[in-house]
Amino acid sequence: MRRARRPISPGCAPRSGSRGAPRRPAKFRSAPWSGAATRSSARRTTREFLAIRRALAALDTDRLSDYTLYVTLEPCAQCAGAIVLAKVGRVVYGAVDEKAGMAGSVGDLLRHPHLNHRPEVLGGVLAAECGALLAEFFRARRDRAPA
């Protein structure tokens, strides 16, 4: 094992890669539900992820095993990971996401046998209505977008 050429400055995470370039200072990184996320990262975060973070903060707990998360679209990988880590008890979703769904369409992180928590999953609830709602939402966004 080789030693680093320069000492790590305080406030920086351990060096990454072979060139030894320091990562961003630790105070600018945020843990998944630390509440330290910036406004710009919150805009890129899915609503399911934000709902889980807010529920954990409001309840002052680290697990939501007695709660149900209702979503219109099948959870993506990020949301499925947050659901597993927060130990959400049940997930109910409407429309299937054939491109990025991680509750059975593309993969199944929510019921993966190697993970420590597997919530109850109920999919396809009011699927047609949820699909229409999502289609209308994105149609309206495209119509508002500048040309």
C-alpha atoms as a PDB file:
ATOM      1  CA  MET A   1       0.000   0.000   0.000  1.00  0.00           C
ATOM      2  CA  ARG A   2       1.387   3.412  -0.950  1.00  0.00           C
ATOM      3  CA  ARG A   3       1.206   6.454   1.258  1.00  0.00           C
ATOM      4  CA  ALA A   4      -0.390   9.682   0.104  1.00  0.00           C
ATOM      5  CA  ARG A   5       2.071  12.294  -1.102  1.00  0.00           C
ATOM      6  CA  ARG A   6       0.355  15.152   0.697  1.00  0.00           C
ATOM      7  CA  PRO A   7      -1.618  15.100   3.910  1.00  0.00           C
ATOM      8  CA  ILE A   8      -5.380  15.369   3.613  1.00  0.00           C
ATOM      9  CA  SER A   9      -6.524  18.853   4.500  1.00  0.00           C
ATOM     10  CA  PRO A  10      -9.090  19.139   7.287  1.00  0.00           C
ATOM     11  CA  GLY A  11     -12.646  19.317   5.977  1.00  0.00           C
ATOM     12  CA  CYS A  12     -11.939  17.216   2.904  1.00  0.00           C
ATOM     13  CA  ALA A  13     -12.924  13.635   2.382  1.00  0.00           C
ATOM     14  CA  PRO A  14     -10.264  11.002   1.701  1.00  0.00           C
ATOM     15  CA  ARG A  15      -8.572  11.235  -1.650  1.00  0.00           C
ATOM     16  CA  SER A  16     -10.127   9.494  -4.600  1.00  0.00           C
ATOM     17  CA  GLY A  17      -8.474   7.925  -7.599  1.00  0.00           C
ATOM     18  CA  SER A  18      -4.820   7.451  -8.342  1.00  0.00           C
ATOM     19  CA  ARG A  19      -4.061  11.141  -8.854  1.00  0.00           C
ATOM     20  CA  GLY A  20      -4.954  12.047  -5.306  1.00  0.00           C
ATOM     21  CA  ALA A  21      -7.369  14.832  -6.171  1.00  0.00           C
ATOM     22  CA  PRO A  22      -9.372  15.685  -3.059  1.00  0.00           C
ATOM     23  CA  ARG A  23     -13.125  15.420  -3.125  1.00  0.00           C
ATOM     24  CA  ARG A  24     -15.393  18.342  -2.300  1.00  0.00           C
ATOM     25  CA  PRO A  25     -15.251  19.444   1.333  1.00  0.00           C
ATOM     26  CA  ALA A  26     -17.421  17.283   3.560  1.00  0.00           C
ATOM     27  CA  LYS A  27     -19.632  20.193   4.640  1.00  0.00           C
ATOM     28  CA  PHE A  28     -21.012  20.463   1.064  1.00  0.00           C
ATOM     29  CA  ARG A  29     -22.000  16.809   0.753  1.00  0.00           C
ATOM     30  CA  SER A  30     -25.224  15.624   2.287  1.00  0.00           C
ATOM     31  CA  ALA A  31     -26.383  12.295   3.603  1.00  0.00           C
ATOM     32  CA  PRO A  32     -29.645  11.017   2.091  1.00  0.00           C
ATOM     33  CA  TRP A  33     -31.921  12.364   4.835  1.00  0.00           C
ATOM     34  CA  SER A  34     -29.682  14.783   6.687  1.00  0.00           C
ATOM     35  CA  GLY A  35     -31.704  17.814   5.613  1.00  0.00           C
ATOM     36  CA  ALA A  36     -28.484  19.424   4.394  1.00  0.00           C
ATOM     37  CA  ALA A  37     -29.331  19.132   0.709  1.00  0.00           C
ATOM     38  CA  THR A  38     -29.140  22.353  -1.241  1.00  0.00           C
ATOM     39  CA  ARG A  39     -32.099  23.893  -2.979  1.00  0.00           C
ATOM     40  CA  SER A  40     -30.728  22.920  -6.412  1.00  0.00           C
ATOM     41  CA  SER A  41     -30.277  19.271  -5.420  1.00  0.00           C
ATOM     42  CA  ALA A  42     -33.811  19.249  -4.005  1.00  0.00           C
ATOM     43  CA  ARG A  43     -35.147  20.223  -7.436  1.00  0.00           C
ATOM     44  CA  ARG A  44     -33.394  17.212  -8.987  1.00  0.00           C
ATOM     45  CA  THR A  45     -34.601  14.846  -6.275  1.00  0.00           C
ATOM     46  CA  THR A  46     -37.765  12.873  -6.890  1.00  0.00           C
ATOM     47  CA  ARG A  47     -40.868  13.665  -4.863  1.00  0.00           C
ATOM     48  CA  GLU A  48     -40.929  10.209  -3.286  1.00  0.00           C
ATOM     49  CA  PHE A  49     -37.425  10.780  -1.968  1.00  0.00           C
ATOM     50  CA  LEU A  50     -38.405  14.174  -0.549  1.00  0.00           C
ATOM     51  CA  ALA A  51     -41.560  12.740   1.037  1.00  0.00           C
ATOM     52  CA  ILE A  52     -39.515  10.036   2.767  1.00  0.00           C
ATOM     53  CA  ARG A  53     -36.976  12.572   4.032  1.00  0.00           C
ATOM     54  CA  ARG A  54     -39.685  14.853   5.382  1.00  0.00           C
ATOM     55  CA  ALA A  55     -41.558  11.985   7.034  1.00  0.00           C
ATOM     56  CA  LEU A  56     -38.398  10.759   8.753  1.00  0.00           C
ATOM     57  CA  ALA A  57     -37.640  14.274   9.975  1.00  0.00           C
ATOM     58  CA  ALA A  58     -41.214  14.977  11.123  1.00  0.00           C
ATOM     59  CA  LEU A  59     -41.435  11.700  13.012  1.00  0.00           C
ATOM     60  CA  ASP A  60     -37.852  11.973  14.292  1.00  0.00           C
ATOM     61  CA  THR A  61     -37.141   8.362  13.393  1.00  0.00           C
ATOM     62  CA  ASP A  62     -35.023   6.323  11.009  1.00  0.00           C
ATOM     63  CA  ARG A  63     -37.693   3.870   9.831  1.00  0.00           C
ATOM     64  CA  LEU A  64     -41.207   4.051   8.469  1.00  0.00           C
ATOM     65  CA  SER A  65     -42.233   0.418   8.873  1.00  0.00           C
ATOM     66  CA  ASP A  66     -45.813   1.292   9.933  1.00  0.00           C
ATOM     67  CA  TYR A  67     -46.429   3.580   6.934  1.00  0.00           C
ATOM     68  CA  THR A  68     -47.547   3.228   3.324  1.00  0.00           C
ATOM     69  CA  LEU A  69     -46.086   5.234   0.453  1.00  0.00           C
ATOM     70  CA  TYR A  70     -48.566   5.928  -2.379  1.00  0.00           C
ATOM     71  CA  VAL A  71     -47.075   6.998  -5.745  1.00  0.00           C
ATOM     72  CA  THR A  72     -48.472   7.406  -9.245  1.00  0.00           C
ATOM     73  CA  LEU A  73     -45.459   5.839 -11.010  1.00  0.00           C
ATOM     74  CA  GLU A  74     -43.422   2.765 -10.161  1.00  0.00           C
ATOM     75  CA  PRO A  75     -40.366   3.790  -8.073  1.00  0.00           C
ATOM     76  CA  CYS A  76     -37.019   4.307  -9.813  1.00  0.00           C
ATOM     77  CA  ALA A  77     -33.734   2.951  -8.454  1.00  0.00           C
ATOM     78  CA  GLN A  78     -33.093   6.040  -6.281  1.00  0.00           C
ATOM     79  CA  CYS A  79     -36.570   5.905  -4.771  1.00  0.00           C
ATOM     80  CA  ALA A  80     -36.437   2.142  -4.292  1.00  0.00           C
ATOM     81  CA  GLY A  81     -33.140   2.516  -2.439  1.00  0.00           C
ATOM     82  CA  ALA A  82     -34.595   5.240  -0.227  1.00  0.00           C
ATOM     83  CA  ILE A  83     -37.661   3.094   0.453  1.00  0.00           C
ATOM     84  CA  VAL A  84     -35.507   0.155   1.519  1.00  0.00           C
ATOM     85  CA  LEU A  85     -33.189   2.281   3.663  1.00  0.00           C
ATOM     86  CA  ALA A  86     -36.098   4.039   5.375  1.00  0.00           C
ATOM     87  CA  LYS A  87     -37.772   0.658   5.888  1.00  0.00           C
ATOM     88  CA  VAL A  88     -41.126   1.803   4.494  1.00  0.00           C
ATOM     89  CA  GLY A  89     -43.738  -0.829   5.327  1.00  0.00           C
ATOM     90  CA  ARG A  90     -45.761  -0.812   2.113  1.00  0.00           C
ATOM     91  CA  VAL A  91     -45.510   0.773  -1.342  1.00  0.00           C
ATOM     92  CA  VAL A  92     -48.573   1.245  -3.550  1.00  0.00           C
ATOM     93  CA  TYR A  93     -48.015   2.518  -7.085  1.00  0.00           C
ATOM     94  CA  GLY A  94     -50.224   3.053 -10.093  1.00  0.00           C
ATOM     95  CA  ALA A  95     -48.563   3.182 -13.499  1.00  0.00           C
ATOM     96  CA  VAL A  96     -45.767   0.797 -14.458  1.00  0.00           C
ATOM     97  CA  ASP A  97     -42.477   2.392 -15.576  1.00  0.00           C
ATOM     98  CA  GLU A  98     -41.082   0.106 -18.277  1.00  0.00           C
ATOM     99  CA  LYS A  99     -37.900   2.192 -18.686  1.00  0.00           C
ATOM    100  CA  ALA A 100     -36.746   2.706 -15.098  1.00  0.00           C
ATOM    101  CA  GLY A 101     -39.138   0.882 -12.760  1.00  0.00           C
ATOM    102  CA  MET A 102     -37.444  -0.930  -9.900  1.00  0.00           C
ATOM    103  CA  ALA A 103     -40.473  -2.608  -8.363  1.00  0.00           C
ATOM    104  CA  GLY A 104     -40.729  -5.362 -10.945  1.00  0.00           C
ATOM    105  CA  SER A 105     -40.545  -3.819 -14.434  1.00  0.00           C
ATOM    106  CA  VAL A 106     -36.826  -3.395 -15.106  1.00  0.00           C
ATOM    107  CA  GLY A 107     -35.553  -4.762 -11.812  1.00  0.00           C
ATOM    108  CA  ASP A 108     -36.928  -5.426  -8.373  1.00  0.00           C
ATOM    109  CA  LEU A 109     -34.910  -3.672  -5.694  1.00  0.00           C
ATOM    110  CA  LEU A 110     -37.870  -3.519  -3.356  1.00  0.00           C
ATOM    111  CA  ARG A 111     -38.077  -7.304  -3.068  1.00  0.00           C
ATOM    112  CA  HIS A 112     -34.417  -8.180  -3.616  1.00  0.00           C
ATOM    113  CA  PRO A 113     -33.524 -11.197  -1.443  1.00  0.00           C
ATOM    114  CA  HIS A 114     -30.117  -9.823  -0.382  1.00  0.00           C
ATOM    115  CA  LEU A 115     -31.423  -6.576   1.091  1.00  0.00           C
ATOM    116  CA  ASN A 116     -32.247  -6.244   4.763  1.00  0.00           C
ATOM    117  CA  HIS A 117     -35.767  -4.879   4.221  1.00  0.00           C
ATOM    118  CA  ARG A 118     -38.451  -5.865   1.728  1.00  0.00           C
ATOM    119  CA  PRO A 119     -41.631  -3.765   1.854  1.00  0.00           C
ATOM    120  CA  GLU A 120     -44.993  -5.070   0.764  1.00  0.00           C
ATOM    121  CA  VAL A 121     -45.512  -3.911  -2.837  1.00  0.00           C
ATOM    122  CA  LEU A 122     -48.851  -3.428  -4.547  1.00  0.00           C
ATOM    123  CA  GLY A 123     -48.596  -2.241  -8.140  1.00  0.00           C
ATOM    124  CA  GLY A 124     -51.010  -1.326 -10.898  1.00  0.00           C
ATOM    125  CA  VAL A 125     -53.554   0.355  -8.616  1.00  0.00           C
ATOM    126  CA  LEU A 126     -55.624   2.688 -10.824  1.00  0.00           C
ATOM    127  CA  ALA A 127     -52.935   2.272 -13.496  1.00  0.00           C
ATOM    128  CA  ALA A 128     -54.948   3.830 -16.332  1.00  0.00           C
ATOM    129  CA  GLU A 129     -55.871   6.881 -14.253  1.00  0.00           C
ATOM    130  CA  CYS A 130     -52.303   7.334 -13.032  1.00  0.00           C
ATOM    131  CA  GLY A 131     -50.949   6.990 -16.579  1.00  0.00           C
ATOM    132  CA  ALA A 132     -53.409   9.616 -17.834  1.00  0.00           C
ATOM    133  CA  LEU A 133     -52.488  11.947 -14.971  1.00  0.00           C
ATOM    134  CA  LEU A 134     -48.769  11.622 -15.753  1.00  0.00           C
ATOM    135  CA  ALA A 135     -49.335  12.085 -19.499  1.00  0.00           C
ATOM    136  CA  GLU A 136     -51.316  15.270 -18.876  1.00  0.00           C
ATOM    137  CA  PHE A 137     -48.683  16.591 -16.455  1.00  0.00           C
ATOM    138  CA  PHE A 138     -45.837  16.136 -18.937  1.00  0.00           C
ATOM    139  CA  ARG A 139     -47.933  17.438 -21.842  1.00  0.00           C
ATOM    140  CA  ALA A 140     -48.549  20.640 -19.871  1.00  0.00           C
ATOM    141  CA  ARG A 141     -44.843  20.943 -19.091  1.00  0.00           C
ATOM    142  CA  ARG A 142     -43.909  20.591 -22.745  1.00  0.00           C
ATOM    143  CA  ASP A 143     -46.495  23.226 -23.705  1.00  0.00           C
ATOM    144  CA  ARG A 144     -45.083  25.693 -21.136  1.00  0.00           C
ATOM    145  CA  ALA A 145     -41.440  25.066 -22.078  1.00  0.00           C
ATOM    146  CA  PRO A 146     -39.765  27.879 -24.059  1.00  0.00           C
ATOM    147  CA  ALA A 147     -39.198  27.050 -27.704  1.00  0.00           C
END
